[in-house]
Amino acid sequence: MGRKRDEKSGKYTDAYSDGEFIEAIKSNNGLAGTGEIAEVVGCSHRQALNRLNELEEDGMIISKDVGRSLVWRLAENNE
């Protein structure tokens, strides 16, 4: 079973919604690592990282380097 494509754009549709990633951060007291988010959402670490980067580019979340890990929190407009 392959990924679904949007009929108009031809782009792959996302298997997980933005809301699932936002809720995963909220469920961890508003601060979560990539691995924690991936586990809650049910996707791979790589998928989570890619989507989290997209959400950060859209201004929905903010990342911070903590040691060798990225920690994610909601942007002020999404709290």
N, C-alpha and C. Protein backbone atom coordinates (compact mmCIF):
# COMPACT_ATOMS: atom_id res chain seq x y z
N MET A 1 0.84 -1.18 0.00
CA MET A 1 0.00 0.00 0.00
C MET A 1 0.88 1.24 0.00
N GLY A 2 0.81 2.03 -1.04
CA GLY A 2 1.64 3.22 -1.16
C GLY A 2 0.99 4.44 -0.54
N ARG A 3 1.75 5.50 -0.49
CA ARG A 3 1.23 6.76 0.03
C ARG A 3 0.25 7.37 -0.96
N LYS A 4 -0.71 8.11 -0.45
CA LYS A 4 -1.70 8.76 -1.30
C LYS A 4 -1.17 10.08 -1.80
N ARG A 5 -1.59 10.43 -3.02
CA ARG A 5 -1.21 11.70 -3.62
C ARG A 5 -2.44 12.59 -3.76
N ASP A 6 -2.22 13.88 -3.61
CA ASP A 6 -3.26 14.86 -3.86
C ASP A 6 -3.55 14.86 -5.36
N GLU A 7 -4.81 14.77 -5.73
CA GLU A 7 -5.16 14.69 -7.15
C GLU A 7 -4.77 15.94 -7.92
N LYS A 8 -4.87 17.11 -7.31
CA LYS A 8 -4.58 18.36 -8.01
C LYS A 8 -3.08 18.63 -8.12
N SER A 9 -2.38 18.54 -6.99
CA SER A 9 -0.97 18.91 -6.99
C SER A 9 -0.03 17.77 -7.34
N GLY A 10 -0.48 16.55 -7.12
CA GLY A 10 0.39 15.40 -7.34
C GLY A 10 1.33 15.13 -6.18
N LYS A 11 1.29 16.01 -5.16
CA LYS A 11 2.15 15.82 -3.99
C LYS A 11 1.56 14.75 -3.08
N TYR A 12 2.45 14.11 -2.34
CA TYR A 12 1.99 13.14 -1.36
C TYR A 12 1.23 13.86 -0.26
N THR A 13 0.15 13.24 0.22
CA THR A 13 -0.59 13.80 1.34
C THR A 13 0.07 13.32 2.62
N ASP A 14 -0.09 14.08 3.66
CA ASP A 14 0.51 13.73 4.94
C ASP A 14 -0.32 12.68 5.65
N ALA A 15 0.35 11.66 6.16
CA ALA A 15 -0.33 10.60 6.88
C ALA A 15 -0.73 11.07 8.28
N TYR A 16 -0.05 12.07 8.79
CA TYR A 16 -0.31 12.58 10.13
C TYR A 16 -0.59 14.08 10.04
N SER A 17 -1.58 14.52 10.79
CA SER A 17 -1.98 15.93 10.71
C SER A 17 -1.06 16.80 11.57
N ASP A 18 -1.05 18.10 11.25
CA ASP A 18 -0.31 19.05 12.07
C ASP A 18 -0.79 18.98 13.51
N GLY A 19 -2.10 18.84 13.67
CA GLY A 19 -2.69 18.79 15.01
C GLY A 19 -2.15 17.65 15.85
N GLU A 20 -1.83 16.52 15.22
CA GLU A 20 -1.29 15.39 15.98
C GLU A 20 0.08 15.74 16.57
N PHE A 21 0.88 16.49 15.81
CA PHE A 21 2.19 16.89 16.32
C PHE A 21 2.06 17.95 17.41
N ILE A 22 1.14 18.88 17.22
CA ILE A 22 0.89 19.92 18.23
C ILE A 22 0.39 19.27 19.52
N GLU A 23 -0.54 18.34 19.40
CA GLU A 23 -1.08 17.66 20.58
C GLU A 23 -0.01 16.83 21.28
N ALA A 24 0.90 16.24 20.51
CA ALA A 24 1.98 15.45 21.12
C ALA A 24 2.87 16.34 21.98
N ILE A 25 3.12 17.56 21.53
CA ILE A 25 3.91 18.50 22.33
C ILE A 25 3.12 18.91 23.56
N LYS A 26 1.85 19.25 23.38
CA LYS A 26 1.01 19.65 24.51
C LYS A 26 0.91 18.55 25.55
N SER A 27 0.81 17.29 25.11
CA SER A 27 0.65 16.18 26.04
C SER A 27 1.90 15.94 26.88
N ASN A 28 3.00 16.55 26.51
CA ASN A 28 4.24 16.41 27.25
C ASN A 28 4.57 17.73 27.96
N ASN A 29 3.55 18.38 28.47
CA ASN A 29 3.69 19.65 29.20
C ASN A 29 4.28 20.77 28.35
N GLY A 30 4.05 20.71 27.04
CA GLY A 30 4.45 21.79 26.16
C GLY A 30 5.91 21.80 25.74
N LEU A 31 6.64 20.74 26.08
CA LEU A 31 8.06 20.66 25.73
C LEU A 31 8.40 19.19 25.50
N ALA A 32 8.87 18.85 24.28
CA ALA A 32 9.12 17.44 23.98
C ALA A 32 10.24 17.28 22.98
N GLY A 33 10.96 16.18 23.10
CA GLY A 33 12.00 15.83 22.14
C GLY A 33 11.39 15.17 20.92
N THR A 34 12.15 15.10 19.86
CA THR A 34 11.68 14.52 18.61
C THR A 34 11.23 13.08 18.81
N GLY A 35 12.01 12.29 19.53
CA GLY A 35 11.67 10.88 19.75
C GLY A 35 10.37 10.73 20.53
N GLU A 36 10.17 11.57 21.53
CA GLU A 36 8.93 11.52 22.31
C GLU A 36 7.72 11.83 21.43
N ILE A 37 7.88 12.83 20.58
CA ILE A 37 6.79 13.23 19.69
C ILE A 37 6.49 12.11 18.69
N ALA A 38 7.54 11.52 18.12
CA ALA A 38 7.36 10.43 17.17
C ALA A 38 6.61 9.27 17.81
N GLU A 39 6.94 8.96 19.05
CA GLU A 39 6.29 7.86 19.76
C GLU A 39 4.80 8.15 19.97
N VAL A 40 4.47 9.37 20.39
CA VAL A 40 3.07 9.73 20.62
C VAL A 40 2.28 9.71 19.32
N VAL A 41 2.86 10.27 18.26
CA VAL A 41 2.17 10.35 16.98
C VAL A 41 2.09 8.97 16.32
N GLY A 42 3.11 8.15 16.53
CA GLY A 42 3.14 6.82 15.93
C GLY A 42 3.85 6.77 14.59
N CYS A 43 4.82 7.66 14.42
CA CYS A 43 5.58 7.69 13.17
C CYS A 43 7.06 7.49 13.47
N SER A 44 7.86 7.43 12.42
CA SER A 44 9.30 7.26 12.61
C SER A 44 9.92 8.58 13.09
N HIS A 45 11.09 8.46 13.65
CA HIS A 45 11.84 9.63 14.11
C HIS A 45 12.08 10.58 12.94
N ARG A 46 12.47 10.05 11.79
CA ARG A 46 12.75 10.86 10.60
C ARG A 46 11.49 11.60 10.14
N GLN A 47 10.35 10.90 10.09
CA GLN A 47 9.10 11.55 9.70
C GLN A 47 8.77 12.68 10.66
N ALA A 48 8.91 12.42 11.95
CA ALA A 48 8.61 13.44 12.94
C ALA A 48 9.52 14.65 12.75
N LEU A 49 10.81 14.41 12.58
CA LEU A 49 11.75 15.51 12.42
C LEU A 49 11.42 16.35 11.20
N ASN A 50 11.10 15.69 10.09
CA ASN A 50 10.74 16.43 8.88
C ASN A 50 9.50 17.29 9.09
N ARG A 51 8.46 16.72 9.69
CA ARG A 51 7.23 17.47 9.91
C ARG A 51 7.42 18.58 10.94
N LEU A 52 8.19 18.31 11.98
CA LEU A 52 8.45 19.34 12.99
C LEU A 52 9.22 20.51 12.38
N ASN A 53 10.16 20.22 11.51
CA ASN A 53 10.87 21.30 10.81
C ASN A 53 9.91 22.13 9.96
N GLU A 54 8.96 21.48 9.29
CA GLU A 54 7.97 22.19 8.49
C GLU A 54 7.09 23.08 9.38
N LEU A 55 6.67 22.53 10.53
CA LEU A 55 5.85 23.30 11.45
C LEU A 55 6.62 24.49 12.02
N GLU A 56 7.92 24.32 12.21
CA GLU A 56 8.74 25.43 12.68
C GLU A 56 8.85 26.50 11.60
N GLU A 57 9.04 26.09 10.36
CA GLU A 57 9.11 27.06 9.26
C GLU A 57 7.81 27.84 9.14
N ASP A 58 6.68 27.20 9.47
CA ASP A 58 5.38 27.85 9.42
C ASP A 58 5.08 28.69 10.66
N GLY A 59 6.02 28.70 11.62
CA GLY A 59 5.87 29.52 12.81
C GLY A 59 4.95 28.95 13.87
N MET A 60 4.65 27.65 13.77
CA MET A 60 3.74 27.03 14.73
C MET A 60 4.45 26.51 15.98
N ILE A 61 5.70 26.10 15.81
CA ILE A 61 6.49 25.59 16.93
C ILE A 61 7.90 26.16 16.85
N ILE A 62 8.64 25.97 17.94
CA ILE A 62 10.02 26.48 18.04
C ILE A 62 10.90 25.35 18.56
N SER A 63 12.09 25.23 18.00
CA SER A 63 13.03 24.22 18.48
C SER A 63 14.19 24.88 19.21
N LYS A 64 14.82 24.07 20.05
CA LYS A 64 16.02 24.52 20.77
C LYS A 64 16.95 23.33 20.90
N ASP A 65 18.24 23.58 20.64
CA ASP A 65 19.25 22.53 20.84
C ASP A 65 19.52 22.38 22.32
N VAL A 66 19.39 21.15 22.80
CA VAL A 66 19.71 20.84 24.19
C VAL A 66 20.67 19.67 24.13
N GLY A 67 21.93 19.96 24.34
CA GLY A 67 22.95 18.92 24.18
C GLY A 67 23.00 18.50 22.73
N ARG A 68 22.78 17.22 22.48
CA ARG A 68 22.78 16.71 21.11
C ARG A 68 21.37 16.43 20.61
N SER A 69 20.38 17.00 21.27
CA SER A 69 18.99 16.75 20.91
C SER A 69 18.26 18.05 20.63
N LEU A 70 17.17 17.93 19.87
CA LEU A 70 16.28 19.06 19.65
C LEU A 70 15.07 18.89 20.56
N VAL A 71 14.70 19.98 21.19
CA VAL A 71 13.50 20.01 22.01
C VAL A 71 12.55 20.99 21.35
N TRP A 72 11.27 20.63 21.32
CA TRP A 72 10.26 21.41 20.62
C TRP A 72 9.25 21.96 21.60
N ARG A 73 8.80 23.19 21.34
CA ARG A 73 7.72 23.78 22.13
C ARG A 73 6.82 24.55 21.19
N LEU A 74 5.64 24.85 21.65
CA LEU A 74 4.70 25.60 20.84
C LEU A 74 5.13 27.05 20.74
N ALA A 75 4.91 27.64 19.60
CA ALA A 75 5.12 29.07 19.44
C ALA A 75 4.04 29.78 20.26
N GLU A 76 4.29 30.98 20.67
CA GLU A 76 3.36 31.69 21.53
C GLU A 76 1.95 31.77 20.96
N ASN A 77 1.82 31.85 19.65
CA ASN A 77 0.50 31.97 19.04
C ASN A 77 -0.25 30.63 19.02
N ASN A 78 0.38 29.53 19.44
CA ASN A 78 -0.27 28.22 19.45
C ASN A 78 -0.40 27.62 20.84
N GLU A 79 -0.09 28.37 21.85
CA GLU A 79 -0.15 27.83 23.22
C GLU A 79 -1.56 27.73 23.71
